[in-house]
Amino acid sequence: MKRTSVIALFLACVGGFSNSAYAQSVTSGKIINLFADPSDFVVALDTAGICGSAYFHIQRVNANFKEMTAVALTAFTTGKTLTFFVASCSADRNIISHGYVSR
């Protein structure tokens, strides 16, 4: 199994024990744009998520906000694929809990 698959499986398993990290779905894509919002850091992917939008929100109240923002910036600057675990929807907003950068 590839290392990223093992990490994704681990995160999905761990997420099952915590409501805040529970993944409703998984979405991968290339970053089109990044937005700084007063309550969220928003990532626009070239793929829509389960909530019907291509906008993925990293909420500032998340314990891993800084790390997820760094992951998104890394994917954006290197042009790599970003995978998000969508925890919930707020209208058409994909609220993400965690994610990773693919090779």
N, C-alpha and C. Protein backbone atom coordinates (compact mmCIF):
# COMPACT_ATOMS: atom_id res chain seq x y z
N MET A 1 0.85 -1.18 0.00
CA MET A 1 0.00 0.00 0.00
C MET A 1 0.89 1.24 0.00
N LYS A 2 0.51 2.24 -0.75
CA LYS A 2 1.27 3.48 -0.77
C LYS A 2 1.20 4.17 0.58
N ARG A 3 2.23 4.94 0.87
CA ARG A 3 2.29 5.65 2.15
C ARG A 3 1.10 6.58 2.33
N THR A 4 0.71 7.31 1.28
CA THR A 4 -0.42 8.23 1.40
C THR A 4 -1.71 7.47 1.67
N SER A 5 -1.84 6.27 1.11
CA SER A 5 -3.04 5.45 1.37
C SER A 5 -3.08 5.01 2.83
N VAL A 6 -1.92 4.65 3.36
CA VAL A 6 -1.84 4.23 4.76
C VAL A 6 -2.20 5.41 5.67
N ILE A 7 -1.67 6.58 5.36
CA ILE A 7 -1.97 7.76 6.16
C ILE A 7 -3.45 8.10 6.09
N ALA A 8 -4.02 8.05 4.89
CA ALA A 8 -5.45 8.34 4.73
C ALA A 8 -6.30 7.35 5.50
N LEU A 9 -5.94 6.06 5.44
CA LEU A 9 -6.68 5.04 6.17
C LEU A 9 -6.58 5.28 7.68
N PHE A 10 -5.39 5.61 8.15
CA PHE A 10 -5.20 5.90 9.57
C PHE A 10 -6.07 7.08 10.01
N LEU A 11 -6.04 8.17 9.23
CA LEU A 11 -6.83 9.36 9.58
C LEU A 11 -8.31 9.06 9.56
N ALA A 12 -8.75 8.25 8.61
CA ALA A 12 -10.18 7.90 8.53
C ALA A 12 -10.58 7.06 9.74
N CYS A 13 -9.70 6.14 10.16
CA CYS A 13 -10.01 5.31 11.33
C CYS A 13 -10.04 6.14 12.61
N VAL A 14 -9.05 6.99 12.78
CA VAL A 14 -9.01 7.87 13.95
C VAL A 14 -10.22 8.79 13.95
N GLY A 15 -10.60 9.27 12.79
CA GLY A 15 -11.75 10.16 12.67
C GLY A 15 -13.04 9.53 13.14
N GLY A 16 -13.14 8.21 13.08
CA GLY A 16 -14.35 7.54 13.52
C GLY A 16 -14.59 7.66 15.02
N PHE A 17 -13.56 7.99 15.77
CA PHE A 17 -13.68 8.10 17.22
C PHE A 17 -13.95 9.52 17.70
N SER A 18 -13.95 10.48 16.80
CA SER A 18 -14.14 11.88 17.18
C SER A 18 -15.09 12.55 16.21
N ASN A 19 -16.16 13.15 16.70
CA ASN A 19 -17.12 13.81 15.83
C ASN A 19 -16.50 14.92 15.01
N SER A 20 -15.55 15.67 15.58
CA SER A 20 -14.95 16.78 14.85
C SER A 20 -14.05 16.32 13.72
N ALA A 21 -13.57 15.08 13.77
CA ALA A 21 -12.68 14.59 12.73
C ALA A 21 -13.37 13.57 11.83
N TYR A 22 -14.67 13.38 11.98
CA TYR A 22 -15.40 12.41 11.19
C TYR A 22 -15.49 12.87 9.74
N ALA A 23 -15.07 12.03 8.82
CA ALA A 23 -15.12 12.38 7.41
C ALA A 23 -16.42 11.87 6.80
N GLN A 24 -17.21 12.79 6.28
CA GLN A 24 -18.44 12.44 5.59
C GLN A 24 -18.10 11.97 4.18
N SER A 25 -17.08 12.58 3.60
CA SER A 25 -16.60 12.19 2.28
C SER A 25 -15.16 12.65 2.11
N VAL A 26 -14.55 12.18 1.05
CA VAL A 26 -13.17 12.54 0.73
C VAL A 26 -13.16 13.11 -0.68
N THR A 27 -12.50 14.25 -0.86
CA THR A 27 -12.41 14.90 -2.17
C THR A 27 -10.97 15.29 -2.46
N SER A 28 -10.52 15.01 -3.68
CA SER A 28 -9.17 15.37 -4.11
C SER A 28 -9.23 16.28 -5.32
N GLY A 29 -8.27 17.18 -5.43
CA GLY A 29 -8.20 18.04 -6.61
C GLY A 29 -7.04 19.01 -6.52
N LYS A 30 -6.87 19.74 -7.60
CA LYS A 30 -5.85 20.79 -7.66
C LYS A 30 -6.46 22.10 -7.17
N ILE A 31 -5.65 22.90 -6.50
CA ILE A 31 -6.12 24.18 -5.98
C ILE A 31 -6.20 25.20 -7.11
N ILE A 32 -7.34 25.86 -7.20
CA ILE A 32 -7.55 26.93 -8.17
C ILE A 32 -7.27 28.28 -7.53
N ASN A 33 -7.72 28.44 -6.28
CA ASN A 33 -7.56 29.72 -5.60
C ASN A 33 -7.61 29.53 -4.09
N LEU A 34 -7.07 30.49 -3.36
CA LEU A 34 -7.10 30.52 -1.89
C LEU A 34 -7.71 31.84 -1.44
N PHE A 35 -8.50 31.80 -0.36
CA PHE A 35 -9.15 33.00 0.14
C PHE A 35 -8.99 33.08 1.66
N ALA A 36 -8.66 34.26 2.15
CA ALA A 36 -8.64 34.51 3.59
C ALA A 36 -9.96 35.15 3.96
N ASP A 37 -10.66 34.56 4.88
CA ASP A 37 -11.98 35.00 5.31
C ASP A 37 -11.89 35.25 6.81
N PRO A 38 -12.70 36.13 7.38
CA PRO A 38 -12.61 36.40 8.83
C PRO A 38 -12.79 35.16 9.71
N SER A 39 -13.61 34.20 9.28
CA SER A 39 -13.83 33.03 10.13
C SER A 39 -13.24 31.74 9.55
N ASP A 40 -12.84 31.74 8.28
CA ASP A 40 -12.34 30.54 7.63
C ASP A 40 -11.16 30.88 6.72
N PHE A 41 -10.42 29.84 6.36
CA PHE A 41 -9.47 29.89 5.26
C PHE A 41 -10.11 29.02 4.20
N VAL A 42 -10.36 29.56 3.01
CA VAL A 42 -11.14 28.87 1.99
C VAL A 42 -10.24 28.47 0.83
N VAL A 43 -10.38 27.22 0.43
CA VAL A 43 -9.63 26.66 -0.68
C VAL A 43 -10.61 26.29 -1.78
N ALA A 44 -10.37 26.79 -3.00
CA ALA A 44 -11.18 26.43 -4.16
C ALA A 44 -10.42 25.35 -4.94
N LEU A 45 -11.06 24.19 -5.09
CA LEU A 45 -10.46 23.10 -5.86
C LEU A 45 -11.10 23.02 -7.24
N ASP A 46 -10.50 22.24 -8.11
CA ASP A 46 -11.09 22.00 -9.42
C ASP A 46 -12.13 20.89 -9.39
N THR A 47 -12.48 20.42 -8.20
CA THR A 47 -13.47 19.37 -7.99
C THR A 47 -14.45 19.80 -6.91
N ALA A 48 -15.73 19.56 -7.14
CA ALA A 48 -16.75 19.88 -6.14
C ALA A 48 -16.79 18.81 -5.06
N GLY A 49 -17.15 19.21 -3.86
CA GLY A 49 -17.28 18.28 -2.75
C GLY A 49 -18.70 17.79 -2.60
N ILE A 50 -18.95 17.02 -1.56
CA ILE A 50 -20.25 16.43 -1.31
C ILE A 50 -21.34 17.47 -1.08
N CYS A 51 -20.97 18.66 -0.65
CA CYS A 51 -21.95 19.71 -0.35
C CYS A 51 -22.39 20.46 -1.61
N GLY A 52 -21.80 20.15 -2.74
CA GLY A 52 -22.19 20.76 -4.00
C GLY A 52 -21.34 21.94 -4.43
N SER A 53 -20.34 22.27 -3.68
CA SER A 53 -19.50 23.43 -3.98
C SER A 53 -18.05 22.97 -4.13
N ALA A 54 -17.27 23.75 -4.86
CA ALA A 54 -15.84 23.49 -4.99
C ALA A 54 -15.04 24.28 -3.96
N TYR A 55 -15.73 24.91 -3.01
CA TYR A 55 -15.08 25.68 -1.95
C TYR A 55 -15.03 24.85 -0.67
N PHE A 56 -13.83 24.77 -0.10
CA PHE A 56 -13.60 23.97 1.10
C PHE A 56 -13.10 24.90 2.20
N HIS A 57 -13.78 24.86 3.35
CA HIS A 57 -13.54 25.79 4.43
C HIS A 57 -12.77 25.13 5.57
N ILE A 58 -11.63 25.73 5.89
CA ILE A 58 -10.87 25.34 7.07
C ILE A 58 -11.24 26.37 8.13
N GLN A 59 -11.99 25.95 9.13
CA GLN A 59 -12.46 26.89 10.14
C GLN A 59 -11.36 27.23 11.13
N ARG A 60 -11.28 28.51 11.48
CA ARG A 60 -10.23 28.99 12.38
C ARG A 60 -10.34 28.38 13.78
N VAL A 61 -11.50 27.88 14.15
CA VAL A 61 -11.68 27.28 15.47
C VAL A 61 -11.15 25.85 15.53
N ASN A 62 -10.79 25.25 14.38
CA ASN A 62 -10.24 23.90 14.37
C ASN A 62 -8.89 23.87 15.08
N ALA A 63 -8.65 22.81 15.82
CA ALA A 63 -7.39 22.66 16.54
C ALA A 63 -6.20 22.60 15.57
N ASN A 64 -6.43 22.11 14.35
CA ASN A 64 -5.35 21.97 13.38
C ASN A 64 -5.42 23.04 12.29
N PHE A 65 -5.96 24.21 12.60
CA PHE A 65 -6.12 25.27 11.60
C PHE A 65 -4.79 25.66 10.95
N LYS A 66 -3.76 25.90 11.75
CA LYS A 66 -2.47 26.32 11.22
C LYS A 66 -1.85 25.23 10.35
N GLU A 67 -1.96 24.00 10.79
CA GLU A 67 -1.39 22.89 10.03
C GLU A 67 -2.12 22.68 8.70
N MET A 68 -3.45 22.78 8.72
CA MET A 68 -4.22 22.59 7.49
C MET A 68 -3.97 23.73 6.51
N THR A 69 -3.81 24.95 7.03
CA THR A 69 -3.48 26.08 6.18
C THR A 69 -2.11 25.86 5.53
N ALA A 70 -1.16 25.37 6.31
CA ALA A 70 0.18 25.08 5.78
C ALA A 70 0.13 23.98 4.72
N VAL A 71 -0.69 22.97 4.94
CA VAL A 71 -0.85 21.89 3.95
C VAL A 71 -1.41 22.46 2.65
N ALA A 72 -2.43 23.31 2.75
CA ALA A 72 -3.04 23.91 1.55
C ALA A 72 -2.04 24.79 0.81
N LEU A 73 -1.29 25.60 1.54
CA LEU A 73 -0.29 26.46 0.90
C LEU A 73 0.81 25.64 0.24
N THR A 74 1.19 24.54 0.85
CA THR A 74 2.20 23.65 0.27
C THR A 74 1.69 23.07 -1.05
N ALA A 75 0.47 22.57 -1.06
CA ALA A 75 -0.11 22.00 -2.28
C ALA A 75 -0.21 23.06 -3.37
N PHE A 76 -0.61 24.27 -2.99
CA PHE A 76 -0.77 25.35 -3.96
C PHE A 76 0.56 25.75 -4.59
N THR A 77 1.59 25.93 -3.77
CA THR A 77 2.88 26.39 -4.29
C THR A 77 3.62 25.31 -5.08
N THR A 78 3.36 24.04 -4.77
CA THR A 78 4.04 22.96 -5.48
C THR A 78 3.22 22.40 -6.63
N GLY A 79 1.95 22.81 -6.74
CA GLY A 79 1.08 22.33 -7.81
C GLY A 79 0.64 20.89 -7.65
N LYS A 80 0.67 20.40 -6.42
CA LYS A 80 0.30 19.01 -6.16
C LYS A 80 -1.18 18.88 -5.81
N THR A 81 -1.66 17.67 -5.85
CA THR A 81 -3.05 17.37 -5.52
C THR A 81 -3.26 17.43 -4.02
N LEU A 82 -4.41 17.99 -3.63
CA LEU A 82 -4.78 18.11 -2.22
C LEU A 82 -6.00 17.25 -1.97
N THR A 83 -5.98 16.49 -0.90
CA THR A 83 -7.11 15.65 -0.53
C THR A 83 -7.67 16.16 0.78
N PHE A 84 -8.99 16.41 0.79
CA PHE A 84 -9.68 16.89 1.98
C PHE A 84 -10.67 15.85 2.48
N PHE A 85 -10.80 15.77 3.78
CA PHE A 85 -11.84 14.98 4.42
C PHE A 85 -12.92 15.96 4.84
N VAL A 86 -14.08 15.88 4.21
CA VAL A 86 -15.19 16.79 4.50
C VAL A 86 -15.94 16.23 5.71
N ALA A 87 -16.00 17.01 6.77
CA ALA A 87 -16.66 16.58 8.01
C ALA A 87 -18.15 16.90 8.01
N SER A 88 -18.51 18.03 7.38
CA SER A 88 -19.92 18.44 7.39
C SER A 88 -20.16 19.47 6.30
N CYS A 89 -21.43 19.81 6.15
CA CYS A 89 -21.83 20.86 5.20
C CYS A 89 -22.48 21.99 5.98
N SER A 90 -22.24 23.20 5.54
CA SER A 90 -22.95 24.38 6.04
C SER A 90 -23.50 25.06 4.80
N ALA A 91 -24.76 24.77 4.50
CA ALA A 91 -25.37 25.14 3.22
C ALA A 91 -24.57 24.41 2.14
N ASP A 92 -23.97 25.16 1.19
CA ASP A 92 -23.17 24.49 0.16
C ASP A 92 -21.67 24.51 0.48
N ARG A 93 -21.32 24.89 1.69
CA ARG A 93 -19.91 24.95 2.09
C ARG A 93 -19.45 23.58 2.57
N ASN A 94 -18.30 23.14 2.07
CA ASN A 94 -17.66 21.92 2.54
C ASN A 94 -16.79 22.29 3.74
N ILE A 95 -17.14 21.82 4.92
CA ILE A 95 -16.35 22.09 6.12
C ILE A 95 -15.41 20.90 6.30
N ILE A 96 -14.11 21.17 6.23
CA ILE A 96 -13.16 20.07 6.27
C ILE A 96 -12.54 19.92 7.66
N SER A 97 -12.12 18.68 7.94
CA SER A 97 -11.51 18.41 9.23
C SER A 97 -10.00 18.17 9.09
N HIS A 98 -9.59 17.49 8.04
CA HIS A 98 -8.17 17.23 7.83
C HIS A 98 -7.92 16.86 6.38
N GLY A 99 -6.65 16.72 6.01
CA GLY A 99 -6.32 16.41 4.63
C GLY A 99 -4.83 16.18 4.46
N TYR A 100 -4.43 15.96 3.21
CA TYR A 100 -3.02 15.74 2.93
C TYR A 100 -2.70 16.12 1.49
N VAL A 101 -1.40 16.29 1.22
CA VAL A 101 -0.89 16.61 -0.11
C VAL A 101 -0.37 15.32 -0.71
N SER A 102 -0.80 15.04 -1.95
CA SER A 102 -0.32 13.84 -2.66
C SER A 102 0.95 14.16 -3.41
N ARG A 103 1.64 13.14 -3.81
CA ARG A 103 2.88 13.32 -4.57
C ARG A 103 2.65 13.95 -5.89
